[in-house]
Amino acid sequence: MNENQLHSLLASGSLFALNVDGVRHIPALFLDESLNQDRVRALCRRMKRTVPPDAQLDVLTFESVALGRITPLAASATQDGYRRALEVANNYASWWTPASRP
């Protein structure tokens, strides 16, 4: 991935960066070849407008009861799991409003 592609993906909400001590970091999950990156990016786009990057990382990597106690990333390996993971991302994005932010 070159710098222009990175900027384009960040701008579209297809991936996100975390700021740690003023330095922007891209989570390694975006380079994990075992994951379907098109699906990972679609999950991120579902949350981009309302969910901050640190919370997006939590949604993607924490086990979900709604998904049978697996992560949305793991669920996305199958078509049915991916559809359910999109629902989780949509629900989280709907719940996360500016007033709910810490």
PDB file of N, CA and C in Angstrom:
ATOM      1  N   MET A   1       0.855  -1.161   0.000  1.00  0.00           N
ATOM      2  CA  MET A   1       0.000   0.000   0.000  1.00  0.00           C
ATOM      3  C   MET A   1       0.905   1.228   0.000  1.00  0.00           C
ATOM      4  N   ASN A   2       0.658   2.131  -0.948  1.00  0.00           N
ATOM      5  CA  ASN A   2       1.468   3.342  -0.981  1.00  0.00           C
ATOM      6  C   ASN A   2       0.784   4.460  -0.195  1.00  0.00           C
ATOM      7  N   GLU A   3       1.471   5.579  -0.065  1.00  0.00           N
ATOM      8  CA  GLU A   3       0.968   6.680   0.762  1.00  0.00           C
ATOM      9  C   GLU A   3      -0.341   7.257   0.230  1.00  0.00           C
ATOM     10  N   ASN A   4      -0.483   7.369  -1.096  1.00  0.00           N
ATOM     11  CA  ASN A   4      -1.729   7.889  -1.674  1.00  0.00           C
ATOM     12  C   ASN A   4      -2.900   6.959  -1.375  1.00  0.00           C
ATOM     13  N   GLN A   5      -2.678   5.653  -1.486  1.00  0.00           N
ATOM     14  CA  GLN A   5      -3.730   4.690  -1.166  1.00  0.00           C
ATOM     15  C   GLN A   5      -4.111   4.788   0.305  1.00  0.00           C
ATOM     16  N   LEU A   6      -3.122   4.933   1.155  1.00  0.00           N
ATOM     17  CA  LEU A   6      -3.366   5.055   2.583  1.00  0.00           C
ATOM     18  C   LEU A   6      -4.231   6.276   2.878  1.00  0.00           C
ATOM     19  N   HIS A   7      -3.882   7.413   2.306  1.00  0.00           N
ATOM     20  CA  HIS A   7      -4.661   8.641   2.534  1.00  0.00           C
ATOM     21  C   HIS A   7      -6.089   8.494   2.012  1.00  0.00           C
ATOM     22  N   SER A   8      -6.244   7.852   0.871  1.00  0.00           N
ATOM     23  CA  SER A   8      -7.565   7.639   0.295  1.00  0.00           C
ATOM     24  C   SER A   8      -8.420   6.741   1.193  1.00  0.00           C
ATOM     25  N   LEU A   9      -7.829   5.664   1.691  1.00  0.00           N
ATOM     26  CA  LEU A   9      -8.560   4.753   2.575  1.00  0.00           C
ATOM     27  C   LEU A   9      -8.920   5.416   3.899  1.00  0.00           C
ATOM     28  N   LEU A  10      -8.036   6.241   4.424  1.00  0.00           N
ATOM     29  CA  LEU A  10      -8.339   6.976   5.658  1.00  0.00           C
ATOM     30  C   LEU A  10      -9.478   7.965   5.419  1.00  0.00           C
ATOM     31  N   ALA A  11      -9.427   8.689   4.296  1.00  0.00           N
ATOM     32  CA  ALA A  11     -10.447   9.692   3.994  1.00  0.00           C
ATOM     33  C   ALA A  11     -11.825   9.057   3.796  1.00  0.00           C
ATOM     34  N   SER A  12     -11.860   7.870   3.216  1.00  0.00           N
ATOM     35  CA  SER A  12     -13.139   7.203   2.957  1.00  0.00           C
ATOM     36  C   SER A  12     -13.710   6.518   4.198  1.00  0.00           C
ATOM     37  N   GLY A  13     -12.903   6.411   5.235  1.00  0.00           N
ATOM     38  CA  GLY A  13     -13.337   5.700   6.439  1.00  0.00           C
ATOM     39  C   GLY A  13     -13.149   4.200   6.332  1.00  0.00           C
ATOM     40  N   SER A  14     -12.457   3.755   5.283  1.00  0.00           N
ATOM     41  CA  SER A  14     -12.224   2.325   5.081  1.00  0.00           C
ATOM     42  C   SER A  14     -11.210   1.761   6.058  1.00  0.00           C
ATOM     43  N   LEU A  15     -10.419   2.618   6.629  1.00  0.00           N
ATOM     44  CA  LEU A  15      -9.551   2.256   7.728  1.00  0.00           C
ATOM     45  C   LEU A  15      -9.372   3.472   8.602  1.00  0.00           C
ATOM     46  N   PHE A  16      -8.811   3.263   9.760  1.00  0.00           N
ATOM     47  CA  PHE A  16      -8.655   4.368  10.710  1.00  0.00           C
ATOM     48  C   PHE A  16      -7.281   4.307  11.332  1.00  0.00           C
ATOM     49  N   ALA A  17      -6.905   5.405  11.923  1.00  0.00           N
ATOM     50  CA  ALA A  17      -5.625   5.499  12.627  1.00  0.00           C
ATOM     51  C   ALA A  17      -5.913   5.867  14.077  1.00  0.00           C
ATOM     52  N   LEU A  18      -5.047   5.427  14.936  1.00  0.00           N
ATOM     53  CA  LEU A  18      -5.125   5.777  16.349  1.00  0.00           C
ATOM     54  C   LEU A  18      -3.974   6.713  16.671  1.00  0.00           C
ATOM     55  N   ASN A  19      -4.260   7.770  17.400  1.00  0.00           N
ATOM     56  CA  ASN A  19      -3.213   8.693  17.828  1.00  0.00           C
ATOM     57  C   ASN A  19      -2.724   8.286  19.204  1.00  0.00           C
ATOM     58  N   VAL A  20      -1.454   7.992  19.294  1.00  0.00           N
ATOM     59  CA  VAL A  20      -0.824   7.614  20.550  1.00  0.00           C
ATOM     60  C   VAL A  20       0.334   8.564  20.780  1.00  0.00           C
ATOM     61  N   ASP A  21       0.206   9.380  21.801  1.00  0.00           N
ATOM     62  CA  ASP A  21       1.224  10.380  22.122  1.00  0.00           C
ATOM     63  C   ASP A  21       1.557  11.251  20.911  1.00  0.00           C
ATOM     64  N   GLY A  22       0.504  11.631  20.169  1.00  0.00           N
ATOM     65  CA  GLY A  22       0.682  12.525  19.031  1.00  0.00           C
ATOM     66  C   GLY A  22       1.200  11.865  17.766  1.00  0.00           C
ATOM     67  N   VAL A  23       1.335  10.553  17.787  1.00  0.00           N
ATOM     68  CA  VAL A  23       1.809   9.823  16.608  1.00  0.00           C
ATOM     69  C   VAL A  23       0.663   8.964  16.077  1.00  0.00           C
ATOM     70  N   ARG A  24       0.417   9.056  14.773  1.00  0.00           N
ATOM     71  CA  ARG A  24      -0.665   8.300  14.150  1.00  0.00           C
ATOM     72  C   ARG A  24      -0.192   6.873  13.852  1.00  0.00           C
ATOM     73  N   HIS A  25      -0.976   5.898  14.328  1.00  0.00           N
ATOM     74  CA  HIS A  25      -0.676   4.482  14.114  1.00  0.00           C
ATOM     75  C   HIS A  25      -1.843   3.820  13.401  1.00  0.00           C
ATOM     76  N   ILE A  26      -1.529   2.982  12.430  1.00  0.00           N
ATOM     77  CA  ILE A  26      -2.536   2.193  11.732  1.00  0.00           C
ATOM     78  C   ILE A  26      -2.537   0.802  12.372  1.00  0.00           C
ATOM     79  N   PRO A  27      -3.679   0.337  12.876  1.00  0.00           N
ATOM     80  CA  PRO A  27      -3.716  -0.991  13.495  1.00  0.00           C
ATOM     81  C   PRO A  27      -3.268  -2.090  12.519  1.00  0.00           C
ATOM     82  N   ALA A  28      -2.558  -3.064  13.047  1.00  0.00           N
ATOM     83  CA  ALA A  28      -2.005  -4.146  12.236  1.00  0.00           C
ATOM     84  C   ALA A  28      -3.082  -4.980  11.551  1.00  0.00           C
ATOM     85  N   LEU A  29      -4.299  -4.965  12.064  1.00  0.00           N
ATOM     86  CA  LEU A  29      -5.355  -5.767  11.449  1.00  0.00           C
ATOM     87  C   LEU A  29      -5.582  -5.392   9.990  1.00  0.00           C
ATOM     88  N   PHE A  30      -5.220  -4.155   9.616  1.00  0.00           N
ATOM     89  CA  PHE A  30      -5.394  -3.722   8.232  1.00  0.00           C
ATOM     90  C   PHE A  30      -4.337  -4.301   7.293  1.00  0.00           C
ATOM     91  N   LEU A  31      -3.358  -4.980   7.849  1.00  0.00           N
ATOM     92  CA  LEU A  31      -2.325  -5.633   7.047  1.00  0.00           C
ATOM     93  C   LEU A  31      -2.375  -7.151   7.186  1.00  0.00           C
ATOM     94  N   ASP A  32      -3.316  -7.638   7.946  1.00  0.00           N
ATOM     95  CA  ASP A  32      -3.433  -9.070   8.204  1.00  0.00           C
ATOM     96  C   ASP A  32      -4.012  -9.760   6.968  1.00  0.00           C
ATOM     97  N   GLU A  33      -3.185 -10.531   6.298  1.00  0.00           N
ATOM     98  CA  GLU A  33      -3.602 -11.188   5.060  1.00  0.00           C
ATOM     99  C   GLU A  33      -4.589 -12.327   5.291  1.00  0.00           C
ATOM    100  N   SER A  34      -4.749 -12.754   6.536  1.00  0.00           N
ATOM    101  CA  SER A  34      -5.719 -13.816   6.818  1.00  0.00           C
ATOM    102  C   SER A  34      -7.149 -13.276   6.874  1.00  0.00           C
ATOM    103  N   LEU A  35      -7.284 -11.958   6.935  1.00  0.00           N
ATOM    104  CA  LEU A  35      -8.603 -11.324   6.978  1.00  0.00           C
ATOM    105  C   LEU A  35      -9.003 -10.860   5.577  1.00  0.00           C
ATOM    106  N   ASN A  36     -10.285 -10.915   5.304  1.00  0.00           N
ATOM    107  CA  ASN A  36     -10.802 -10.375   4.049  1.00  0.00           C
ATOM    108  C   ASN A  36     -10.833  -8.851   4.210  1.00  0.00           C
ATOM    109  N   GLN A  37      -9.847  -8.175   3.632  1.00  0.00           N
ATOM    110  CA  GLN A  37      -9.691  -6.737   3.842  1.00  0.00           C
ATOM    111  C   GLN A  37     -10.848  -5.926   3.269  1.00  0.00           C
ATOM    112  N   ASP A  38     -11.491  -6.400   2.209  1.00  0.00           N
ATOM    113  CA  ASP A  38     -12.663  -5.696   1.682  1.00  0.00           C
ATOM    114  C   ASP A  38     -13.771  -5.674   2.723  1.00  0.00           C
ATOM    115  N   ARG A  39     -13.933  -6.782   3.412  1.00  0.00           N
ATOM    116  CA  ARG A  39     -14.963  -6.852   4.454  1.00  0.00           C
ATOM    117  C   ARG A  39     -14.578  -6.024   5.671  1.00  0.00           C
ATOM    118  N   VAL A  40     -13.323  -6.044   6.057  1.00  0.00           N
ATOM    119  CA  VAL A  40     -12.864  -5.233   7.189  1.00  0.00           C
ATOM    120  C   VAL A  40     -13.122  -3.754   6.891  1.00  0.00           C
ATOM    121  N   ARG A  41     -12.798  -3.331   5.692  1.00  0.00           N
ATOM    122  CA  ARG A  41     -12.991  -1.926   5.305  1.00  0.00           C
ATOM    123  C   ARG A  41     -14.462  -1.556   5.278  1.00  0.00           C
ATOM    124  N   ALA A  42     -15.313  -2.472   4.830  1.00  0.00           N
ATOM    125  CA  ALA A  42     -16.752  -2.200   4.821  1.00  0.00           C
ATOM    126  C   ALA A  42     -17.276  -2.037   6.245  1.00  0.00           C
ATOM    127  N   LEU A  43     -16.800  -2.865   7.166  1.00  0.00           N
ATOM    128  CA  LEU A  43     -17.201  -2.717   8.569  1.00  0.00           C
ATOM    129  C   LEU A  43     -16.801  -1.341   9.098  1.00  0.00           C
ATOM    130  N   CYS A  44     -15.604  -0.904   8.768  1.00  0.00           N
ATOM    131  CA  CYS A  44     -15.133   0.408   9.221  1.00  0.00           C
ATOM    132  C   CYS A  44     -15.980   1.538   8.633  1.00  0.00           C
ATOM    133  N   ARG A  45     -16.318   1.422   7.363  1.00  0.00           N
ATOM    134  CA  ARG A  45     -17.129   2.467   6.730  1.00  0.00           C
ATOM    135  C   ARG A  45     -18.500   2.583   7.382  1.00  0.00           C
ATOM    136  N   ARG A  46     -19.030   1.474   7.885  1.00  0.00           N
ATOM    137  CA  ARG A  46     -20.332   1.510   8.562  1.00  0.00           C
ATOM    138  C   ARG A  46     -20.280   2.355   9.827  1.00  0.00           C
ATOM    139  N   MET A  47     -19.105   2.440  10.440  1.00  0.00           N
ATOM    140  CA  MET A  47     -18.985   3.138  11.722  1.00  0.00           C
ATOM    141  C   MET A  47     -18.324   4.505  11.617  1.00  0.00           C
ATOM    142  N   LYS A  48     -17.806   4.878  10.461  1.00  0.00           N
ATOM    143  CA  LYS A  48     -16.895   6.015  10.344  1.00  0.00           C
ATOM    144  C   LYS A  48     -17.456   7.351  10.806  1.00  0.00           C
ATOM    145  N   ARG A  49     -18.720   7.609  10.616  1.00  0.00           N
ATOM    146  CA  ARG A  49     -19.257   8.944  10.913  1.00  0.00           C
ATOM    147  C   ARG A  49     -19.471   9.204  12.393  1.00  0.00           C
ATOM    148  N   THR A  50     -19.757   8.164  13.157  1.00  0.00           N
ATOM    149  CA  THR A  50     -20.105   8.401  14.558  1.00  0.00           C
ATOM    150  C   THR A  50     -19.164   7.756  15.566  1.00  0.00           C
ATOM    151  N   VAL A  51     -18.494   6.696  15.183  1.00  0.00           N
ATOM    152  CA  VAL A  51     -17.700   5.933  16.157  1.00  0.00           C
ATOM    153  C   VAL A  51     -16.226   6.318  16.051  1.00  0.00           C
ATOM    154  N   PRO A  52     -15.624   6.794  17.143  1.00  0.00           N
ATOM    155  CA  PRO A  52     -14.208   7.170  17.107  1.00  0.00           C
ATOM    156  C   PRO A  52     -13.307   5.945  16.886  1.00  0.00           C
ATOM    157  N   PRO A  53     -12.110   6.170  16.382  1.00  0.00           N
ATOM    158  CA  PRO A  53     -11.218   5.064  16.039  1.00  0.00           C
ATOM    159  C   PRO A  53     -10.966   4.058  17.157  1.00  0.00           C
ATOM    160  N   ASP A  54     -10.754   4.513  18.381  1.00  0.00           N
ATOM    161  CA  ASP A  54     -10.481   3.552  19.452  1.00  0.00           C
ATOM    162  C   ASP A  54     -11.680   2.652  19.714  1.00  0.00           C
ATOM    163  N   ALA A  55     -12.875   3.202  19.598  1.00  0.00           N
ATOM    164  CA  ALA A  55     -14.081   2.397  19.778  1.00  0.00           C
ATOM    165  C   ALA A  55     -14.294   1.464  18.586  1.00  0.00           C
ATOM    166  N   GLN A  56     -13.940   1.899  17.379  1.00  0.00           N
ATOM    167  CA  GLN A  56     -14.032   1.009  16.213  1.00  0.00           C
ATOM    168  C   GLN A  56     -13.137  -0.207  16.411  1.00  0.00           C
ATOM    169  N   LEU A  57     -11.939   0.023  16.914  1.00  0.00           N
ATOM    170  CA  LEU A  57     -11.022  -1.084  17.168  1.00  0.00           C
ATOM    171  C   LEU A  57     -11.631  -2.059  18.174  1.00  0.00           C
ATOM    172  N   ASP A  58     -12.253  -1.514  19.214  1.00  0.00           N
ATOM    173  CA  ASP A  58     -12.924  -2.366  20.198  1.00  0.00           C
ATOM    174  C   ASP A  58     -14.028  -3.199  19.545  1.00  0.00           C
ATOM    175  N   VAL A  59     -14.874  -2.560  18.747  1.00  0.00           N
ATOM    176  CA  VAL A  59     -15.980  -3.271  18.098  1.00  0.00           C
ATOM    177  C   VAL A  59     -15.446  -4.418  17.240  1.00  0.00           C
ATOM    178  N   LEU A  60     -14.395  -4.158  16.494  1.00  0.00           N
ATOM    179  CA  LEU A  60     -13.855  -5.162  15.578  1.00  0.00           C
ATOM    180  C   LEU A  60     -13.164  -6.322  16.285  1.00  0.00           C
ATOM    181  N   THR A  61     -12.590  -6.065  17.451  1.00  0.00           N
ATOM    182  CA  THR A  61     -11.722  -7.069  18.072  1.00  0.00           C
ATOM    183  C   THR A  61     -12.259  -7.725  19.339  1.00  0.00           C
ATOM    184  N   PHE A  62     -13.376  -7.251  19.871  1.00  0.00           N
ATOM    185  CA  PHE A  62     -13.937  -7.884  21.059  1.00  0.00           C
ATOM    186  C   PHE A  62     -15.003  -8.895  20.670  1.00  0.00           C
ATOM    187  N   GLU A  63     -15.047  -9.988  21.409  1.00  0.00           N
ATOM    188  CA  GLU A  63     -16.051 -11.009  21.149  1.00  0.00           C
ATOM    189  C   GLU A  63     -17.441 -10.437  21.362  1.00  0.00           C
ATOM    190  N   SER A  64     -18.340 -10.788  20.459  1.00  0.00           N
ATOM    191  CA  SER A  64     -19.712 -10.297  20.506  1.00  0.00           C
ATOM    192  C   SER A  64     -20.670 -11.442  20.811  1.00  0.00           C
ATOM    193  N   VAL A  65     -21.529 -11.228  21.791  1.00  0.00           N
ATOM    194  CA  VAL A  65     -22.554 -12.217  22.104  1.00  0.00           C
ATOM    195  C   VAL A  65     -23.464 -12.395  20.891  1.00  0.00           C
ATOM    196  N   ALA A  66     -23.751 -11.314  20.192  1.00  0.00           N
ATOM    197  CA  ALA A  66     -24.617 -11.369  19.013  1.00  0.00           C
ATOM    198  C   ALA A  66     -24.031 -12.221  17.886  1.00  0.00           C
ATOM    199  N   LEU A  67     -22.722 -12.434  17.936  1.00  0.00           N
ATOM    200  CA  LEU A  67     -22.055 -13.234  16.908  1.00  0.00           C
ATOM    201  C   LEU A  67     -21.623 -14.601  17.430  1.00  0.00           C
ATOM    202  N   GLY A  68     -22.162 -14.993  18.565  1.00  0.00           N
ATOM    203  CA  GLY A  68     -21.795 -16.293  19.121  1.00  0.00           C
ATOM    204  C   GLY A  68     -20.465 -16.286  19.832  1.00  0.00           C
ATOM    205  N   ARG A  69     -20.139 -15.159  20.434  1.00  0.00           N
ATOM    206  CA  ARG A  69     -18.897 -14.988  21.202  1.00  0.00           C
ATOM    207  C   ARG A  69     -17.637 -15.076  20.350  1.00  0.00           C
ATOM    208  N   ILE A  70     -17.719 -14.566  19.134  1.00  0.00           N
ATOM    209  CA  ILE A  70     -16.531 -14.386  18.305  1.00  0.00           C
ATOM    210  C   ILE A  70     -16.471 -12.921  17.898  1.00  0.00           C
ATOM    211  N   THR A  71     -15.338 -12.502  17.397  1.00  0.00           N
ATOM    212  CA  THR A  71     -15.181 -11.103  17.006  1.00  0.00           C
ATOM    213  C   THR A  71     -15.816 -10.875  15.637  1.00  0.00           C
ATOM    214  N   PRO A  72     -16.213  -9.631  15.338  1.00  0.00           N
ATOM    215  CA  PRO A  72     -16.682  -9.331  13.993  1.00  0.00           C
ATOM    216  C   PRO A  72     -15.639  -9.665  12.922  1.00  0.00           C
ATOM    217  N   LEU A  73     -14.367  -9.519  13.253  1.00  0.00           N
ATOM    218  CA  LEU A  73     -13.331  -9.881  12.285  1.00  0.00           C
ATOM    219  C   LEU A  73     -13.384 -11.367  11.975  1.00  0.00           C
ATOM    220  N   ALA A  74     -13.507 -12.194  13.001  1.00  0.00           N
ATOM    221  CA  ALA A  74     -13.588 -13.641  12.787  1.00  0.00           C
ATOM    222  C   ALA A  74     -14.892 -14.023  12.083  1.00  0.00           C
ATOM    223  N   ALA A  75     -15.981 -13.395  12.465  1.00  0.00           N
ATOM    224  CA  ALA A  75     -17.277 -13.686  11.847  1.00  0.00           C
ATOM    225  C   ALA A  75     -17.260 -13.388  10.351  1.00  0.00           C
ATOM    226  N   SER A  76     -16.487 -12.401   9.962  1.00  0.00           N
ATOM    227  CA  SER A  76     -16.447 -11.968   8.565  1.00  0.00           C
ATOM    228  C   SER A  76     -15.822 -12.985   7.620  1.00  0.00           C
ATOM    229  N   ALA A  77     -15.340 -14.088   8.157  1.00  0.00           N
ATOM    230  CA  ALA A  77     -14.742 -15.126   7.309  1.00  0.00           C
ATOM    231  C   ALA A  77     -15.798 -15.839   6.461  1.00  0.00           C
ATOM    232  N   THR A  78     -17.045 -15.833   6.929  1.00  0.00           N
ATOM    233  CA  THR A  78     -18.121 -16.457   6.151  1.00  0.00           C
ATOM    234  C   THR A  78     -19.115 -15.387   5.724  1.00  0.00           C
ATOM    235  N   GLN A  79     -19.874 -15.678   4.677  1.00  0.00           N
ATOM    236  CA  GLN A  79     -20.846 -14.701   4.179  1.00  0.00           C
ATOM    237  C   GLN A  79     -21.907 -14.393   5.224  1.00  0.00           C
ATOM    238  N   ASP A  80     -22.442 -15.425   5.876  1.00  0.00           N
ATOM    239  CA  ASP A  80     -23.463 -15.198   6.897  1.00  0.00           C
ATOM    240  C   ASP A  80     -22.889 -14.436   8.087  1.00  0.00           C
ATOM    241  N   GLY A  81     -21.697 -14.819   8.511  1.00  0.00           N
ATOM    242  CA  GLY A  81     -21.049 -14.113   9.611  1.00  0.00           C
ATOM    243  C   GLY A  81     -20.767 -12.665   9.268  1.00  0.00           C
ATOM    244  N   TYR A  82     -20.352 -12.430   8.039  1.00  0.00           N
ATOM    245  CA  TYR A  82     -20.093 -11.061   7.583  1.00  0.00           C
ATOM    246  C   TYR A  82     -21.371 -10.222   7.638  1.00  0.00           C
ATOM    247  N   ARG A  83     -22.474 -10.795   7.163  1.00  0.00           N
ATOM    248  CA  ARG A  83     -23.754 -10.076   7.209  1.00  0.00           C
ATOM    249  C   ARG A  83     -24.120  -9.729   8.648  1.00  0.00           C
ATOM    250  N   ARG A  84     -23.923 -10.672   9.562  1.00  0.00           N
ATOM    251  CA  ARG A  84     -24.217 -10.417  10.973  1.00  0.00           C
ATOM    252  C   ARG A  84     -23.245  -9.397  11.576  1.00  0.00           C
ATOM    253  N   ALA A  85     -21.980  -9.446  11.163  1.00  0.00           N
ATOM    254  CA  ALA A  85     -20.993  -8.465  11.648  1.00  0.00           C
ATOM    255  C   ALA A  85     -21.363  -7.058  11.173  1.00  0.00           C
ATOM    256  N   LEU A  86     -21.882  -6.936   9.953  1.00  0.00           N
ATOM    257  CA  LEU A  86     -22.346  -5.630   9.466  1.00  0.00           C
ATOM    258  C   LEU A  86     -23.491  -5.108  10.326  1.00  0.00           C
ATOM    259  N   GLU A  87     -24.369  -5.997  10.745  1.00  0.00           N
ATOM    260  CA  GLU A  87     -25.465  -5.597  11.631  1.00  0.00           C
ATOM    261  C   GLU A  87     -24.927  -5.086  12.963  1.00  0.00           C
ATOM    262  N   VAL A  88     -23.935  -5.771  13.506  1.00  0.00           N
ATOM    263  CA  VAL A  88     -23.309  -5.327  14.764  1.00  0.00           C
ATOM    264  C   VAL A  88     -22.705  -3.935  14.570  1.00  0.00           C
ATOM    265  N   ALA A  89     -21.983  -3.734  13.475  1.00  0.00           N
ATOM    266  CA  ALA A  89     -21.375  -2.427  13.208  1.00  0.00           C
ATOM    267  C   ALA A  89     -22.441  -1.356  13.050  1.00  0.00           C
ATOM    268  N   ASN A  90     -23.514  -1.666  12.338  1.00  0.00           N
ATOM    269  CA  ASN A  90     -24.614  -0.704  12.175  1.00  0.00           C
ATOM    270  C   ASN A  90     -25.246  -0.352  13.510  1.00  0.00           C
ATOM    271  N   ASN A  91     -25.499  -1.372  14.315  1.00  0.00           N
ATOM    272  CA  ASN A  91     -26.114  -1.128  15.624  1.00  0.00           C
ATOM    273  C   ASN A  91     -25.210  -0.277  16.504  1.00  0.00           C
ATOM    274  N   TYR A  92     -23.945  -0.576  16.491  1.00  0.00           N
ATOM    275  CA  TYR A  92     -23.009   0.191  17.306  1.00  0.00           C
ATOM    276  C   TYR A  92     -22.949   1.638  16.820  1.00  0.00           C
ATOM    277  N   ALA A  93     -22.904   1.830  15.504  1.00  0.00           N
ATOM    278  CA  ALA A  93     -22.856   3.186  14.953  1.00  0.00           C
ATOM    279  C   ALA A  93     -24.125   3.964  15.302  1.00  0.00           C
ATOM    280  N   SER A  94     -25.273   3.302  15.299  1.00  0.00           N
ATOM    281  CA  SER A  94     -26.531   3.962  15.651  1.00  0.00           C
ATOM    282  C   SER A  94     -26.554   4.350  17.121  1.00  0.00           C
ATOM    283  N   TRP A  95     -25.986   3.491  17.953  1.00  0.00           N
ATOM    284  CA  TRP A  95     -25.964   3.755  19.391  1.00  0.00           C
ATOM    285  C   TRP A  95     -24.998   4.878  19.744  1.00  0.00           C
ATOM    286  N   TRP A  96     -23.879   4.932  19.040  1.00  0.00           N
ATOM    287  CA  TRP A  96     -22.814   5.857  19.394  1.00  0.00           C
ATOM    288  C   TRP A  96     -23.135   7.248  18.859  1.00  0.00           C
ATOM    289  N   THR A  97     -23.593   8.108  19.728  1.00  0.00           N
ATOM    290  CA  THR A  97     -23.903   9.482  19.356  1.00  0.00           C
ATOM    291  C   THR A  97     -22.908  10.399  20.058  1.00  0.00           C
ATOM    292  N   PRO A  98     -22.823  11.654  19.633  1.00  0.00           N
ATOM    293  CA  PRO A  98     -21.911  12.566  20.329  1.00  0.00           C
ATOM    294  C   PRO A  98     -22.164  12.645  21.838  1.00  0.00           C
ATOM    295  N   ALA A  99     -23.424  12.530  22.245  1.00  0.00           N
ATOM    296  CA  ALA A  99     -23.750  12.605  23.673  1.00  0.00           C
ATOM    297  C   ALA A  99     -23.256  11.379  24.438  1.00  0.00           C
ATOM    298  N   SER A 100     -23.069  10.255  23.754  1.00  0.00           N
ATOM    299  CA  SER A 100     -22.642   9.035  24.453  1.00  0.00           C
ATOM    300  C   SER A 100     -21.143   8.916  24.567  1.00  0.00           C
ATOM    301  N   ARG A 101     -20.419   9.825  23.954  1.00  0.00           N
ATOM    302  CA  ARG A 101     -18.958   9.752  23.989  1.00  0.00           C
ATOM    303  C   ARG A 101     -18.425  10.161  25.352  1.00  0.00           C
ATOM    304  N   PRO A 102     -17.416   9.435  25.819  1.00  0.00           N
ATOM    305  CA  PRO A 102     -16.852   9.768  27.145  1.00  0.00           C
ATOM    306  C   PRO A 102     -16.116  11.087  27.118  1.00  0.00           C
TER     307      PRO A 102
END
